[in-house]
PDB file of N, CA and C in Angstrom:
ATOM      1  N   MET A   1      65.883 -22.390   8.587  1.00  0.00           N
ATOM      2  CA  MET A   1      66.359 -21.109   8.154  1.00  0.00           C
ATOM      3  C   MET A   1      67.860 -21.189   7.928  1.00  0.00           C
ATOM      4  N   ALA A   2      68.307 -22.212   7.234  1.00  0.00           N
ATOM      5  CA  ALA A   2      69.723 -22.429   7.010  1.00  0.00           C
ATOM      6  C   ALA A   2      70.224 -21.713   5.772  1.00  0.00           C
ATOM      7  N   GLU A   3      69.351 -21.054   5.059  1.00  0.00           N
ATOM      8  CA  GLU A   3      69.770 -20.354   3.863  1.00  0.00           C
ATOM      9  C   GLU A   3      69.443 -18.884   3.996  1.00  0.00           C
ATOM     10  N   ASP A   4      70.251 -18.061   3.348  1.00  0.00           N
ATOM     11  CA  ASP A   4      70.058 -16.628   3.390  1.00  0.00           C
ATOM     12  C   ASP A   4      70.475 -16.076   2.043  1.00  0.00           C
ATOM     13  N   GLU A   5      69.957 -14.900   1.698  1.00  0.00           N
ATOM     14  CA  GLU A   5      70.348 -14.291   0.445  1.00  0.00           C
ATOM     15  C   GLU A   5      71.591 -13.465   0.663  1.00  0.00           C
ATOM     16  N   ASN A   6      72.571 -13.616  -0.264  1.00  0.00           N
ATOM     17  CA  ASN A   6      73.746 -12.762  -0.169  1.00  0.00           C
ATOM     18  C   ASN A   6      73.491 -11.480  -0.940  1.00  0.00           C
ATOM     19  N   GLU A   7      74.496 -10.614  -1.037  1.00  0.00           N
ATOM     20  CA  GLU A   7      74.304  -9.306  -1.646  1.00  0.00           C
ATOM     21  C   GLU A   7      73.843  -9.394  -3.096  1.00  0.00           C
ATOM     22  N   GLY A   8      74.217 -10.428  -3.804  1.00  0.00           N
ATOM     23  CA  GLY A   8      73.833 -10.581  -5.198  1.00  0.00           C
ATOM     24  C   GLY A   8      72.454 -11.187  -5.363  1.00  0.00           C
ATOM     25  N   GLY A   9      71.752 -11.445  -4.254  1.00  0.00           N
ATOM     26  CA  GLY A   9      70.424 -12.022  -4.328  1.00  0.00           C
ATOM     27  C   GLY A   9      70.424 -13.534  -4.432  1.00  0.00           C
ATOM     28  N   GLU A  10      71.621 -14.129  -4.439  1.00  0.00           N
ATOM     29  CA  GLU A  10      71.704 -15.580  -4.518  1.00  0.00           C
ATOM     30  C   GLU A  10      71.503 -16.170  -3.128  1.00  0.00           C
ATOM     31  N   VAL A  11      70.864 -17.344  -3.068  1.00  0.00           N
ATOM     32  CA  VAL A  11      70.655 -18.005  -1.784  1.00  0.00           C
ATOM     33  C   VAL A  11      71.957 -18.690  -1.390  1.00  0.00           C
ATOM     34  N   GLU A  12      72.370 -18.444  -0.150  1.00  0.00           N
ATOM     35  CA  GLU A  12      73.626 -18.971   0.349  1.00  0.00           C
ATOM     36  C   GLU A  12      73.359 -19.846   1.567  1.00  0.00           C
ATOM     37  N   ASP A  13      73.986 -21.011   1.629  1.00  0.00           N
ATOM     38  CA  ASP A  13      73.838 -21.917   2.758  1.00  0.00           C
ATOM     39  C   ASP A  13      74.678 -21.395   3.917  1.00  0.00           C
ATOM     40  N   GLU A  14      74.062 -21.225   5.083  1.00  0.00           N
ATOM     41  CA  GLU A  14      74.784 -20.701   6.241  1.00  0.00           C
ATOM     42  C   GLU A  14      75.974 -21.573   6.616  1.00  0.00           C
ATOM     43  N   ALA A  15      75.895 -22.876   6.369  1.00  0.00           N
ATOM     44  CA  ALA A  15      76.987 -23.783   6.732  1.00  0.00           C
ATOM     45  C   ALA A  15      78.271 -23.445   5.977  1.00  0.00           C
ATOM     46  N   ASP A  16      78.167 -22.741   4.855  1.00  0.00           N
ATOM     47  CA  ASP A  16      79.339 -22.369   4.067  1.00  0.00           C
ATOM     48  C   ASP A  16      80.001 -21.085   4.567  1.00  0.00           C
ATOM     49  N   LEU A  17      79.394 -20.415   5.531  1.00  0.00           N
ATOM     50  CA  LEU A  17      79.939 -19.171   6.045  1.00  0.00           C
ATOM     51  C   LEU A  17      81.177 -19.427   6.891  1.00  0.00           C
ATOM     52  N   THR A  18      82.112 -18.486   6.860  1.00  0.00           N
ATOM     53  CA  THR A  18      83.227 -18.552   7.790  1.00  0.00           C
ATOM     54  C   THR A  18      82.709 -18.154   9.161  1.00  0.00           C
ATOM     55  N   PHE A  19      83.493 -18.431  10.188  1.00  0.00           N
ATOM     56  CA  PHE A  19      83.110 -18.032  11.542  1.00  0.00           C
ATOM     57  C   PHE A  19      82.898 -16.528  11.602  1.00  0.00           C
ATOM     58  N   GLU A  20      83.813 -15.785  10.999  1.00  0.00           N
ATOM     59  CA  GLU A  20      83.745 -14.326  11.049  1.00  0.00           C
ATOM     60  C   GLU A  20      82.489 -13.801  10.357  1.00  0.00           C
ATOM     61  N   ASP A  21      82.139 -14.385   9.203  1.00  0.00           N
ATOM     62  CA  ASP A  21      80.932 -13.959   8.487  1.00  0.00           C
ATOM     63  C   ASP A  21      79.674 -14.302   9.281  1.00  0.00           C
ATOM     64  N   ALA A  22      79.659 -15.496   9.874  1.00  0.00           N
ATOM     65  CA  ALA A  22      78.503 -15.912  10.670  1.00  0.00           C
ATOM     66  C   ALA A  22      78.345 -15.013  11.889  1.00  0.00           C
ATOM     67  N   LEU A  23      79.454 -14.678  12.539  1.00  0.00           N
ATOM     68  CA  LEU A  23      79.402 -13.804  13.712  1.00  0.00           C
ATOM     69  C   LEU A  23      78.926 -12.405  13.315  1.00  0.00           C
ATOM     70  N   SER A  24      79.392 -11.923  12.189  1.00  0.00           N
ATOM     71  CA  SER A  24      78.967 -10.609  11.705  1.00  0.00           C
ATOM     72  C   SER A  24      77.464 -10.589  11.427  1.00  0.00           C
ATOM     73  N   ARG A  25      76.970 -11.636  10.791  1.00  0.00           N
ATOM     74  CA  ARG A  25      75.532 -11.720  10.519  1.00  0.00           C
ATOM     75  C   ARG A  25      74.736 -11.813  11.816  1.00  0.00           C
ATOM     76  N   LEU A  26      75.260 -12.575  12.776  1.00  0.00           N
ATOM     77  CA  LEU A  26      74.594 -12.694  14.072  1.00  0.00           C
ATOM     78  C   LEU A  26      74.517 -11.337  14.756  1.00  0.00           C
ATOM     79  N   GLU A  27      75.596 -10.580  14.702  1.00  0.00           N
ATOM     80  CA  GLU A  27      75.594  -9.238  15.295  1.00  0.00           C
ATOM     81  C   GLU A  27      74.562  -8.337  14.607  1.00  0.00           C
ATOM     82  N   GLU A  28      74.442  -8.454  13.291  1.00  0.00           N
ATOM     83  CA  GLU A  28      73.445  -7.672  12.554  1.00  0.00           C
ATOM     84  C   GLU A  28      72.031  -8.028  13.003  1.00  0.00           C
ATOM     85  N   VAL A  29      71.783  -9.320  13.177  1.00  0.00           N
ATOM     86  CA  VAL A  29      70.466  -9.782  13.630  1.00  0.00           C
ATOM     87  C   VAL A  29      70.159  -9.210  15.012  1.00  0.00           C
ATOM     88  N   VAL A  30      71.134  -9.270  15.899  1.00  0.00           N
ATOM     89  CA  VAL A  30      70.938  -8.756  17.259  1.00  0.00           C
ATOM     90  C   VAL A  30      70.635  -7.260  17.223  1.00  0.00           C
ATOM     91  N   HIS A  31      71.371  -6.524  16.410  1.00  0.00           N
ATOM     92  CA  HIS A  31      71.126  -5.073  16.319  1.00  0.00           C
ATOM     93  C   HIS A  31      69.723  -4.779  15.798  1.00  0.00           C
ATOM     94  N   ARG A  32      69.284  -5.529  14.793  1.00  0.00           N
ATOM     95  CA  ARG A  32      67.926  -5.327  14.264  1.00  0.00           C
ATOM     96  C   ARG A  32      66.886  -5.612  15.330  1.00  0.00           C
ATOM     97  N   MET A  33      67.107  -6.679  16.095  1.00  0.00           N
ATOM     98  CA  MET A  33      66.138  -7.050  17.121  1.00  0.00           C
ATOM     99  C   MET A  33      66.137  -6.036  18.265  1.00  0.00           C
ATOM    100  N   GLU A  34      67.311  -5.549  18.632  1.00  0.00           N
ATOM    101  CA  GLU A  34      67.404  -4.589  19.728  1.00  0.00           C
ATOM    102  C   GLU A  34      66.792  -3.241  19.360  1.00  0.00           C
ATOM    103  N   ALA A  35      66.781  -2.925  18.065  1.00  0.00           N
ATOM    104  CA  ALA A  35      66.208  -1.659  17.622  1.00  0.00           C
ATOM    105  C   ALA A  35      64.719  -1.591  17.962  1.00  0.00           C
ATOM    106  N   GLY A  36      64.050  -2.742  17.958  1.00  0.00           N
ATOM    107  CA  GLY A  36      62.663  -2.821  18.383  1.00  0.00           C
ATOM    108  C   GLY A  36      61.652  -2.215  17.436  1.00  0.00           C
ATOM    109  N   ASP A  37      62.070  -1.899  16.224  1.00  0.00           N
ATOM    110  CA  ASP A  37      61.137  -1.260  15.295  1.00  0.00           C
ATOM    111  C   ASP A  37      60.757  -2.161  14.122  1.00  0.00           C
ATOM    112  N   ILE A  38      60.802  -3.479  14.348  1.00  0.00           N
ATOM    113  CA  ILE A  38      60.402  -4.414  13.301  1.00  0.00           C
ATOM    114  C   ILE A  38      59.138  -5.154  13.742  1.00  0.00           C
ATOM    115  N   PRO A  39      58.321  -5.558  12.774  1.00  0.00           N
ATOM    116  CA  PRO A  39      57.082  -6.272  13.111  1.00  0.00           C
ATOM    117  C   PRO A  39      57.369  -7.614  13.786  1.00  0.00           C
ATOM    118  N   LEU A  40      56.379  -8.102  14.498  1.00  0.00           N
ATOM    119  CA  LEU A  40      56.522  -9.349  15.257  1.00  0.00           C
ATOM    120  C   LEU A  40      56.965 -10.502  14.356  1.00  0.00           C
ATOM    121  N   GLU A  41      56.367 -10.632  13.185  1.00  0.00           N
ATOM    122  CA  GLU A  41      56.722 -11.735  12.277  1.00  0.00           C
ATOM    123  C   GLU A  41      58.206 -11.670  11.905  1.00  0.00           C
ATOM    124  N   SER A  42      58.686 -10.481  11.609  1.00  0.00           N
ATOM    125  CA  SER A  42      60.101 -10.314  11.279  1.00  0.00           C
ATOM    126  C   SER A  42      60.974 -10.586  12.500  1.00  0.00           C
ATOM    127  N   LEU A  43      60.494 -10.210  13.659  1.00  0.00           N
ATOM    128  CA  LEU A  43      61.226 -10.451  14.896  1.00  0.00           C
ATOM    129  C   LEU A  43      61.430 -11.950  15.108  1.00  0.00           C
ATOM    130  N   VAL A  44      60.376 -12.725  14.875  1.00  0.00           N
ATOM    131  CA  VAL A  44      60.461 -14.177  15.026  1.00  0.00           C
ATOM    132  C   VAL A  44      61.429 -14.758  13.998  1.00  0.00           C
ATOM    133  N   GLU A  45      61.365 -14.283  12.766  1.00  0.00           N
ATOM    134  CA  GLU A  45      62.283 -14.758  11.722  1.00  0.00           C
ATOM    135  C   GLU A  45      63.724 -14.418  12.075  1.00  0.00           C
ATOM    136  N   ASN A  46      63.935 -13.208  12.588  1.00  0.00           N
ATOM    137  CA  ASN A  46      65.279 -12.808  13.001  1.00  0.00           C
ATOM    138  C   ASN A  46      65.766 -13.670  14.151  1.00  0.00           C
ATOM    139  N   TYR A  47      64.883 -13.979  15.082  1.00  0.00           N
ATOM    140  CA  TYR A  47      65.247 -14.835  16.214  1.00  0.00           C
ATOM    141  C   TYR A  47      65.677 -16.217  15.712  1.00  0.00           C
ATOM    142  N   GLN A  48      64.900 -16.773  14.792  1.00  0.00           N
ATOM    143  CA  GLN A  48      65.227 -18.093  14.240  1.00  0.00           C
ATOM    144  C   GLN A  48      66.577 -18.057  13.522  1.00  0.00           C
ATOM    145  N   SER A  49      66.798 -17.020  12.754  1.00  0.00           N
ATOM    146  CA  SER A  49      68.060 -16.867  12.060  1.00  0.00           C
ATOM    147  C   SER A  49      69.212 -16.725  13.048  1.00  0.00           C
ATOM    148  N   GLY A  50      68.996 -15.951  14.099  1.00  0.00           N
ATOM    149  CA  GLY A  50      70.017 -15.765  15.116  1.00  0.00           C
ATOM    150  C   GLY A  50      70.380 -17.056  15.828  1.00  0.00           C
ATOM    151  N   VAL A  51      69.383 -17.853  16.147  1.00  0.00           N
ATOM    152  CA  VAL A  51      69.639 -19.139  16.803  1.00  0.00           C
ATOM    153  C   VAL A  51      70.468 -20.040  15.882  1.00  0.00           C
ATOM    154  N   SER A  52      70.108 -20.059  14.615  1.00  0.00           N
ATOM    155  CA  SER A  52      70.841 -20.864  13.640  1.00  0.00           C
ATOM    156  C   SER A  52      72.292 -20.399  13.519  1.00  0.00           C
ATOM    157  N   LEU A  53      72.493 -19.087  13.451  1.00  0.00           N
ATOM    158  CA  LEU A  53      73.849 -18.541  13.344  1.00  0.00           C
ATOM    159  C   LEU A  53      74.644 -18.798  14.615  1.00  0.00           C
ATOM    160  N   LEU A  54      74.004 -18.705  15.767  1.00  0.00           N
ATOM    161  CA  LEU A  54      74.675 -18.978  17.035  1.00  0.00           C
ATOM    162  C   LEU A  54      75.148 -20.434  17.085  1.00  0.00           C
ATOM    163  N   LYS A  55      74.303 -21.354  16.663  1.00  0.00           N
ATOM    164  CA  LYS A  55      74.685 -22.771  16.633  1.00  0.00           C
ATOM    165  C   LYS A  55      75.863 -22.987  15.694  1.00  0.00           C
ATOM    166  N   LEU A  56      75.839 -22.314  14.552  1.00  0.00           N
ATOM    167  CA  LEU A  56      76.926 -22.428  13.588  1.00  0.00           C
ATOM    168  C   LEU A  56      78.235 -21.906  14.188  1.00  0.00           C
ATOM    169  N   CYS A  57      78.177 -20.752  14.843  1.00  0.00           N
ATOM    170  CA  CYS A  57      79.374 -20.187  15.465  1.00  0.00           C
ATOM    171  C   CYS A  57      79.926 -21.119  16.539  1.00  0.00           C
ATOM    172  N   ARG A  58      79.044 -21.648  17.365  1.00  0.00           N
ATOM    173  CA  ARG A  58      79.485 -22.581  18.419  1.00  0.00           C
ATOM    174  C   ARG A  58      80.135 -23.825  17.816  1.00  0.00           C
ATOM    175  N   ALA A  59      79.553 -24.347  16.744  1.00  0.00           N
ATOM    176  CA  ALA A  59      80.100 -25.540  16.098  1.00  0.00           C
ATOM    177  C   ALA A  59      81.485 -25.251  15.524  1.00  0.00           C
ATOM    178  N   LYS A  60      81.656 -24.070  14.938  1.00  0.00           N
ATOM    179  CA  LYS A  60      82.960 -23.716  14.372  1.00  0.00           C
ATOM    180  C   LYS A  60      83.999 -23.527  15.467  1.00  0.00           C
ATOM    181  N   ILE A  61      83.601 -22.958  16.609  1.00  0.00           N
ATOM    182  CA  ILE A  61      84.519 -22.814  17.739  1.00  0.00           C
ATOM    183  C   ILE A  61      84.910 -24.182  18.272  1.00  0.00           C
ATOM    184  N   GLU A  62      83.933 -25.072  18.424  1.00  0.00           N
ATOM    185  CA  GLU A  62      84.219 -26.418  18.918  1.00  0.00           C
ATOM    186  C   GLU A  62      85.154 -27.163  17.968  1.00  0.00           C
ATOM    187  N   ALA A  63      84.953 -27.001  16.658  1.00  0.00           N
ATOM    188  CA  ALA A  63      85.820 -27.656  15.679  1.00  0.00           C
ATOM    189  C   ALA A  63      87.244 -27.117  15.780  1.00  0.00           C
ATOM    190  N   ALA A  64      87.368 -25.813  15.975  1.00  0.00           N
ATOM    191  CA  ALA A  64      88.694 -25.214  16.122  1.00  0.00           C
ATOM    192  C   ALA A  64      89.368 -25.710  17.395  1.00  0.00           C
ATOM    193  N   GLU A  65      88.598 -25.817  18.485  1.00  0.00           N
ATOM    194  CA  GLU A  65      89.158 -26.328  19.738  1.00  0.00           C
ATOM    195  C   GLU A  65      89.640 -27.768  19.574  1.00  0.00           C
ATOM    196  N   MET A  66      88.878 -28.565  18.843  1.00  0.00           N
ATOM    197  CA  MET A  66      89.274 -29.960  18.606  1.00  0.00           C
ATOM    198  C   MET A  66      90.583 -30.022  17.812  1.00  0.00           C
ATOM    199  N   LYS A  67      90.723 -29.153  16.825  1.00  0.00           N
ATOM    200  CA  LYS A  67      91.959 -29.125  16.030  1.00  0.00           C
ATOM    201  C   LYS A  67      93.145 -28.724  16.896  1.00  0.00           C
ATOM    202  N   VAL A  68      92.940 -27.748  17.778  1.00  0.00           N
ATOM    203  CA  VAL A  68      94.019 -27.311  18.660  1.00  0.00           C
ATOM    204  C   VAL A  68      94.415 -28.447  19.588  1.00  0.00           C
ATOM    205  N   LYS A  69      93.438 -29.155  20.141  1.00  0.00           N
ATOM    206  CA  LYS A  69      93.740 -30.299  21.009  1.00  0.00           C
ATOM    207  C   LYS A  69      94.474 -31.382  20.236  1.00  0.00           C
ATOM    208  N   GLU A  70      94.060 -31.615  18.995  1.00  0.00           N
ATOM    209  CA  GLU A  70      94.703 -32.626  18.155  1.00  0.00           C
ATOM    210  C   GLU A  70      96.156 -32.259  17.899  1.00  0.00           C
ATOM    211  N   VAL A  71      96.398 -31.004  17.566  1.00  0.00           N
ATOM    212  CA  VAL A  71      97.754 -30.549  17.279  1.00  0.00           C
ATOM    213  C   VAL A  71      98.627 -30.591  18.528  1.00  0.00           C
ATOM    214  N   SER A  72      98.043 -30.277  19.681  1.00  0.00           N
ATOM    215  CA  SER A  72      98.815 -30.230  20.919  1.00  0.00           C
ATOM    216  C   SER A  72      98.881 -31.588  21.611  1.00  0.00           C
ATOM    217  N   GLY A  73      98.402 -32.624  20.966  1.00  0.00           N
ATOM    218  CA  GLY A  73      98.463 -33.955  21.548  1.00  0.00           C
ATOM    219  C   GLY A  73      97.463 -34.168  22.657  1.00  0.00           C
ATOM    220  N   GLY A  74      96.383 -33.398  22.658  1.00  0.00           N
ATOM    221  CA  GLY A  74      95.346 -33.549  23.664  1.00  0.00           C
ATOM    222  C   GLY A  74      95.629 -32.799  24.945  1.00  0.00           C
ATOM    223  N   GLU A  75      96.798 -32.172  25.026  1.00  0.00           N
ATOM    224  CA  GLU A  75      97.151 -31.414  26.216  1.00  0.00           C
ATOM    225  C   GLU A  75      96.647 -29.987  26.099  1.00  0.00           C
ATOM    226  N   ALA A  76      96.285 -29.435  27.222  1.00  0.00           N
ATOM    227  CA  ALA A  76      95.879 -28.029  27.241  1.00  0.00           C
ATOM    228  C   ALA A  76      97.128 -27.181  27.076  1.00  0.00           C
ATOM    229  N   VAL A  77      97.117 -26.291  26.108  1.00  0.00           N
ATOM    230  CA  VAL A  77      98.254 -25.426  25.856  1.00  0.00           C
ATOM    231  C   VAL A  77      97.838 -24.003  26.154  1.00  0.00           C
ATOM    232  N   GLU A  78      98.579 -23.364  27.055  1.00  0.00           N
ATOM    233  CA  GLU A  78      98.274 -21.980  27.404  1.00  0.00           C
ATOM    234  C   GLU A  78      99.211 -21.084  26.617  1.00  0.00           C
ATOM    235  N   LEU A  79      98.650 -20.208  25.818  1.00  0.00           N
ATOM    236  CA  LEU A  79      99.457 -19.309  25.018  1.00  0.00           C
ATOM    237  C   LEU A  79      99.714 -18.037  25.793  1.00  0.00           C
ATOM    238  N   GLN A  80     100.943 -17.578  25.731  1.00  0.00           N
ATOM    239  CA  GLN A  80     101.338 -16.351  26.405  1.00  0.00           C
ATOM    240  C   GLN A  80     101.609 -15.291  25.342  1.00  0.00           C
ATOM    241  N   PRO A  81     101.153 -14.073  25.570  1.00  0.00           N
ATOM    242  CA  PRO A  81     101.429 -13.011  24.601  1.00  0.00           C
ATOM    243  C   PRO A  81     102.924 -12.687  24.576  1.00  0.00           C
ATOM    244  N   GLU A  82     103.406 -12.343  23.394  1.00  0.00           N
ATOM    245  CA  GLU A  82     104.824 -11.978  23.262  1.00  0.00           C
ATOM    246  C   GLU A  82     105.029 -10.604  23.863  1.00  0.00           C
ATOM    247  N   GLU A  83     106.178 -10.450  24.500  1.00  0.00           N
ATOM    248  CA  GLU A  83     106.481  -9.149  25.114  1.00  0.00           C
ATOM    249  C   GLU A  83     107.462  -8.392  24.277  1.00  0.00           C
TER     250      GLU A  83
END
């Protein structure tokens, strides 16, 4: 379930989504599932889509963490909010 239709009806590969778009879609899936008014078959499809989106989000977070470690020389950098 790595592909989804975008608003124009075109099939879009989930791997091309930004983190923010993937997270937004994941939230939509969760809301649909929590509503509890969809048939079992759709529920299973939504679950599969949600798992795929969750994996994508985790992978994008891990990639961002790796870039931060690379930039910081492998050291943990604690950011402090500006006052």
